[in-house]
Protein backbone atom coordinates (compact mmCIF):
# COMPACT_ATOMS: atom_id res chain seq x y z
CA MET A 1 147.69 58.31 78.57
CA VAL A 2 148.41 57.11 82.30
CA LEU A 3 151.76 54.96 82.57
CA LYS A 4 152.50 52.78 85.65
CA PRO A 5 155.54 50.88 86.50
CA ASN A 6 156.15 47.42 85.21
CA GLU A 7 156.01 44.88 88.09
CA ILE A 8 159.11 42.97 86.58
CA ASP A 9 161.41 45.42 85.65
CA GLY A 10 159.86 48.56 86.91
CA ARG A 11 159.62 50.27 83.58
CA SER A 12 156.28 52.05 82.72
CA ILE A 13 153.68 50.59 80.31
CA ASP A 14 150.38 51.66 78.82
CA ASN A 15 147.10 51.39 80.64
CA THR A 16 145.28 49.25 78.21
CA ASP A 17 142.21 49.00 80.13
CA GLU A 18 141.60 52.89 79.95
CA THR A 19 142.51 52.58 76.24
CA SER A 20 140.03 50.02 75.67
CA GLU A 21 137.40 52.02 77.34
CA VAL A 22 138.08 55.00 75.37
CA VAL A 23 138.12 52.81 72.08
CA GLU A 24 134.56 51.33 73.01
CA THR A 25 133.27 55.02 73.94
CA CYS A 26 134.35 56.07 70.45
CA LEU A 27 132.86 53.05 68.96
CA ASP A 28 129.73 53.58 70.70
CA ALA A 29 129.62 57.19 69.61
CA ILE A 30 130.25 56.33 66.16
CA SER A 31 127.46 53.74 66.33
CA GLY A 32 125.19 56.16 67.70
CA LEU A 33 126.04 58.72 65.06
CA ARG A 34 125.45 55.92 62.57
CA ASP A 35 121.97 55.14 64.02
CA GLN A 36 121.00 59.00 64.09
CA GLN A 37 122.23 59.09 60.52
CA ALA A 38 120.12 55.89 59.50
CA ALA A 39 117.05 57.66 61.29
CA MET A 40 117.65 60.95 59.61
CA LEU A 41 117.87 59.30 56.24
CA LYS A 42 114.59 57.50 56.83
CA THR A 43 113.08 60.97 58.02
CA ILE A 44 114.45 62.46 54.90
CA GLU A 45 113.07 59.51 52.72
CA SER A 46 109.62 59.77 54.39
CA GLN A 47 109.48 63.57 53.96
CA SER A 48 110.72 63.30 50.49
CA GLU A 49 107.77 60.91 49.85
CA ARG A 50 105.41 63.21 51.80
CA ILE A 51 106.72 66.13 49.56
CA ALA A 52 106.31 64.14 46.36
CA LYS A 53 102.68 63.12 47.36
CA LEU A 54 101.94 66.84 48.22
CA GLU A 55 103.24 67.89 44.87
CA ALA A 56 101.15 65.30 43.05
CA GLU A 57 98.04 66.51 45.07
CA ARG A 58 99.07 70.24 44.27
CA THR A 59 99.28 69.14 40.58
CA GLN A 60 96.05 67.40 40.60
CA LYS A 61 94.16 70.31 42.43
CA GLU A 62 95.63 72.65 39.85
CA GLU A 63 94.30 70.49 36.91
CA THR A 64 90.85 70.11 38.73
CA ASN A 65 90.78 73.94 39.37
CA ALA A 66 91.44 74.34 35.61
CA GLU A 67 88.66 71.99 34.73
CA LEU A 68 86.18 73.75 37.21
CA HIS A 69 87.23 77.31 35.87
CA GLU A 70 86.65 75.87 32.27
CA ARG A 71 83.25 74.49 33.24
CA ILE A 72 82.15 77.75 35.23
CA VAL A 73 82.97 79.58 31.98
CA GLU A 74 80.84 77.23 29.93
CA LEU A 75 77.94 77.26 32.65
CA GLU A 76 78.08 81.26 32.60
CA ASP A 77 77.85 81.12 28.88
CA GLU A 78 74.95 78.57 29.00
CA LEU A 79 73.23 80.72 31.80
CA GLU A 80 73.40 83.79 29.58
CA ALA A 81 71.99 82.01 26.78
CA TYR A 82 69.23 80.75 28.79
CA ARG A 83 68.43 84.12 30.20
CA ALA A 84 68.38 85.62 26.56
CA ALA A 85 66.22 82.84 25.56
CA ASN A 86 63.89 83.14 28.63
CA GLU A 87 63.49 86.83 27.94
CA ARG A 88 62.39 85.86 24.43
CA ASP A 89 59.99 83.40 25.77
CA LYS A 90 58.47 85.61 28.28
CA ALA A 91 58.08 88.33 25.54
CA ASP A 92 56.39 85.92 23.44
CA ILE A 93 53.99 84.75 26.35
CA ARG A 94 53.24 88.28 27.15
CA GLN A 95 52.41 88.99 23.37
CA ASP A 96 50.27 85.78 23.43
CA VAL A 97 48.41 86.50 26.65
CA THR A 98 47.93 90.04 25.12
CA GLU A 99 46.33 88.48 21.78
CA ASN A 100 44.30 85.85 23.73
CA ALA A 101 42.86 88.75 26.02
CA ARG A 102 42.21 90.78 22.92
CA GLN A 103 40.50 87.80 21.02
CA THR A 104 38.42 86.92 24.08
CA GLU A 105 37.30 90.47 24.60
CA ALA A 106 36.21 90.41 20.95
CA SER A 107 34.50 87.25 21.05
CA GLU A 108 32.38 88.06 23.97
CA LYS A 109 31.33 91.43 22.38
CA HIS A 110 30.34 89.18 19.22
CA THR A 111 28.43 86.90 21.31
CA GLU A 112 26.59 89.72 23.17
CA ALA A 113 26.08 91.27 19.68
CA VAL A 114 24.44 87.80 18.30
CA ALA A 115 22.41 87.75 21.59
CA ARG A 116 21.10 91.23 20.76
CA LYS A 117 20.22 90.61 17.31
CA VAL A 118 18.33 87.57 18.04
CA GLU A 119 15.92 89.61 20.37
CA THR A 120 14.24 90.47 16.83
CA LEU A 121 13.30 86.84 16.24
CA ASP A 122 10.26 87.09 18.48
CA GLY A 123 9.91 90.74 18.90
CA SER A 124 11.02 90.86 22.62
CA GLU A 125 13.13 93.49 24.05
CA GLN A 126 13.25 92.42 27.45
CA ARG A 127 15.25 89.16 27.17
CA THR A 128 18.81 89.39 28.53
CA PRO A 129 21.83 88.36 26.23
CA LEU A 130 22.37 85.24 28.40
CA GLU A 131 18.57 84.05 27.51
CA GLN A 132 19.05 84.73 23.77
CA VAL A 133 22.52 82.65 23.62
CA VAL A 134 20.71 79.85 25.44
CA ARG A 135 17.88 79.90 22.91
CA LEU A 136 20.24 79.82 19.96
CA PRO A 137 20.07 76.50 18.16
CA GLU A 138 23.26 74.24 18.15
CA GLU A 139 23.79 74.97 14.48
CA ILE A 140 23.90 78.65 15.05
CA ILE A 141 26.35 77.93 18.06
CA HIS A 142 28.82 76.01 15.71
CA LYS A 143 28.92 78.76 13.26
CA ALA A 144 29.11 81.59 15.83
CA LYS A 145 32.51 82.65 17.25
CA LEU A 146 31.93 81.48 20.81
CA THR A 147 35.06 80.42 22.67
CA ALA A 148 35.31 77.20 24.57
CA ASN A 149 34.56 78.94 27.86
CA GLN A 150 31.54 80.60 26.51
CA ARG A 151 30.04 77.30 25.15
CA ARG A 152 30.66 75.99 28.55
CA ALA A 153 28.89 78.81 30.15
CA ARG A 154 25.81 78.19 27.80
CA ALA A 155 25.63 74.80 28.81
CA ILE A 156 25.70 75.58 32.47
CA ALA A 157 22.98 78.15 31.93
CA MET A 158 20.77 75.66 30.08
CA GLU A 159 20.91 73.31 33.23
CA ILE A 160 20.38 75.94 35.81
CA GLY A 161 17.10 74.62 37.03
CA GLY A 162 19.05 71.33 38.20
CA LEU A 163 22.21 72.97 39.25
CA ALA A 164 21.32 76.03 41.28
CA THR A 165 20.01 76.30 44.92
CA THR A 166 16.97 78.70 45.83
CA VAL A 167 18.19 81.73 47.97
CA PRO A 168 16.27 85.01 48.95
CA LYS A 169 17.59 86.89 45.99
CA GLY A 170 16.77 83.93 43.61
CA LYS A 171 19.03 81.08 42.43
CA ARG A 172 22.62 80.43 43.35
CA LEU A 173 24.97 78.58 41.38
CA ASP A 174 28.45 78.34 43.25
CA SER A 175 31.81 77.63 41.77
CA THR A 176 32.02 74.26 43.31
CA THR A 177 28.95 73.01 41.60
CA ILE A 178 30.08 74.60 38.15
CA LYS A 179 33.47 72.86 38.45
CA GLN A 180 32.02 69.42 39.33
CA GLU A 181 29.55 69.87 36.37
CA LEU A 182 32.25 70.86 33.97
CA LYS A 183 34.60 68.20 35.15
CA GLN A 184 31.82 65.56 34.59
CA ALA A 185 31.05 66.98 31.11
CA TYR A 186 34.43 67.80 29.90
CA GLY A 187 36.92 65.48 31.96
CA THR A 188 38.74 68.49 33.59
CA ALA A 189 37.85 71.89 34.94
CA HIS A 190 40.70 74.28 35.90
CA ASP A 191 39.93 76.98 38.31
CA GLN A 192 40.65 79.75 35.65
CA THR A 193 38.01 78.03 33.49
CA VAL A 194 35.51 78.14 36.14
CA ALA A 195 36.28 81.84 36.55
CA ARG A 196 35.89 82.50 32.92
CA VAL A 197 32.65 80.72 32.84
CA MET A 198 31.32 82.56 35.88
CA SER A 199 32.45 85.87 34.35
CA PHE A 200 30.52 84.91 31.19
CA LEU A 201 27.30 84.00 32.88
CA ASP A 202 27.54 87.51 35.03
CA ARG A 203 28.47 89.47 32.02
CA LEU A 204 25.53 88.17 29.74
CA GLY A 205 23.23 88.22 32.58
CA GLY A 206 23.41 91.85 32.83
CA ASP A 207 21.69 93.48 35.85
CA ARG A 208 19.92 90.18 36.77
CA THR A 209 23.25 88.48 37.76
CA GLU A 210 25.79 89.17 40.31
CA VAL A 211 29.00 87.36 41.43
CA VAL A 212 29.12 86.94 45.11
CA HIS A 213 31.84 85.63 47.67
CA THR A 214 30.98 82.50 49.65
CA GLY A 215 32.66 80.88 52.47
CA ASN A 216 33.95 78.26 49.91
CA GLY A 217 34.65 80.54 46.67
CA LYS A 218 32.30 82.41 44.62
CA ALA A 219 28.86 82.04 43.45
CA VAL A 220 26.70 83.48 40.54
CA ILE A 221 23.36 84.98 41.97
CA PHE A 222 20.46 84.84 39.22
CA ASP A 223 17.41 86.83 40.14
CA ASP A 224 14.03 85.04 40.19
CA TRP A 225 12.90 86.45 36.61
CA LEU A 226 16.04 85.42 34.90
CA ALA A 227 16.39 82.06 36.56
CA ARG A 228 12.86 81.27 35.52
CA ARG A 229 13.32 82.47 31.86
CA LEU A 230 16.56 80.24 31.66
CA THR A 231 14.69 77.12 32.91
CA THR A 232 11.60 77.55 30.64
CA ALA A 233 13.65 78.97 27.60
CA GLU A 234 12.86 77.36 24.27
CA GLN A 235 15.52 77.17 21.61
CA PHE A 236 14.92 78.47 18.14
CA THR A 237 14.60 76.18 15.28
CA ALA A 238 17.38 76.35 12.52
CA ASP A 239 14.63 77.27 9.94
CA ALA A 240 13.84 80.26 12.10
CA VAL A 241 16.88 82.10 11.36
CA ASP A 242 18.01 83.26 8.26
CA ARG A 243 21.71 83.67 8.46
CA VAL A 244 24.46 84.38 11.20
CA LEU A 245 27.44 86.37 9.77
CA THR A 246 30.06 85.39 12.32
CA ASN A 247 32.32 88.54 11.23
CA VAL A 248 29.43 90.85 10.81
CA VAL A 249 26.42 89.89 13.12
CA SER A 250 23.15 89.68 11.45
CA VAL A 251 20.63 87.43 12.66
CA THR A 252 16.87 87.98 11.08
CA PRO A 253 13.66 85.84 10.96
CA ARG A 254 12.62 84.08 7.89
CA THR A 255 9.81 85.82 6.01
CA GLY A 256 6.32 84.86 7.12
CA SER A 257 7.85 83.22 10.36
């Protein structure tokens, strides 16, 4: 503290101006500290709220992760069950396909046997199985074990005169024409159905038919002899046939016919 003489009696007195300045400085410092404290309190409060929010989010994420983990476990169980069921289904499908193929092959062999037996009806040994099937009456066709595709092939063969086009080798019946004809007659015609019909025509046509590739698919070529025979073939009457045993093929003419 700085003292100065009193103007009246010469005694020293305090310098109140400097004291005031010191006090004001202290007060300003205290005020500044209080402002800093208030700001820090606000920061702490804000940080506390932020921490609380992060804690809540972390808790929520933990709950979500737990739910997701549980769902993953459920999905893994479902996937395992699906795989097992799928394997069983594939095994069943393979068995069905094998059985259908076996039945189809047996049916085609049966149909060929029917056609060969029918040759005895008119004593001809030159007719192809396809022509014999075409000549069978509808009553016999319904009793014989012909598949749906075999019946479709028979219907196509019976209309060859109006469906096939003339080529150097004979008559050509392409897959597009067969598909259109089947769709018109049966309402639908899948490519696999068309393929089976063409295979049946080729198989029963023997050496007189041939499946060839064309620019738009495949076609069955009938030689002139077979095409002419199919066009002019006359069906047997039911009275001309004694019996057709569908399990053991036996087609014989009636006595005196």
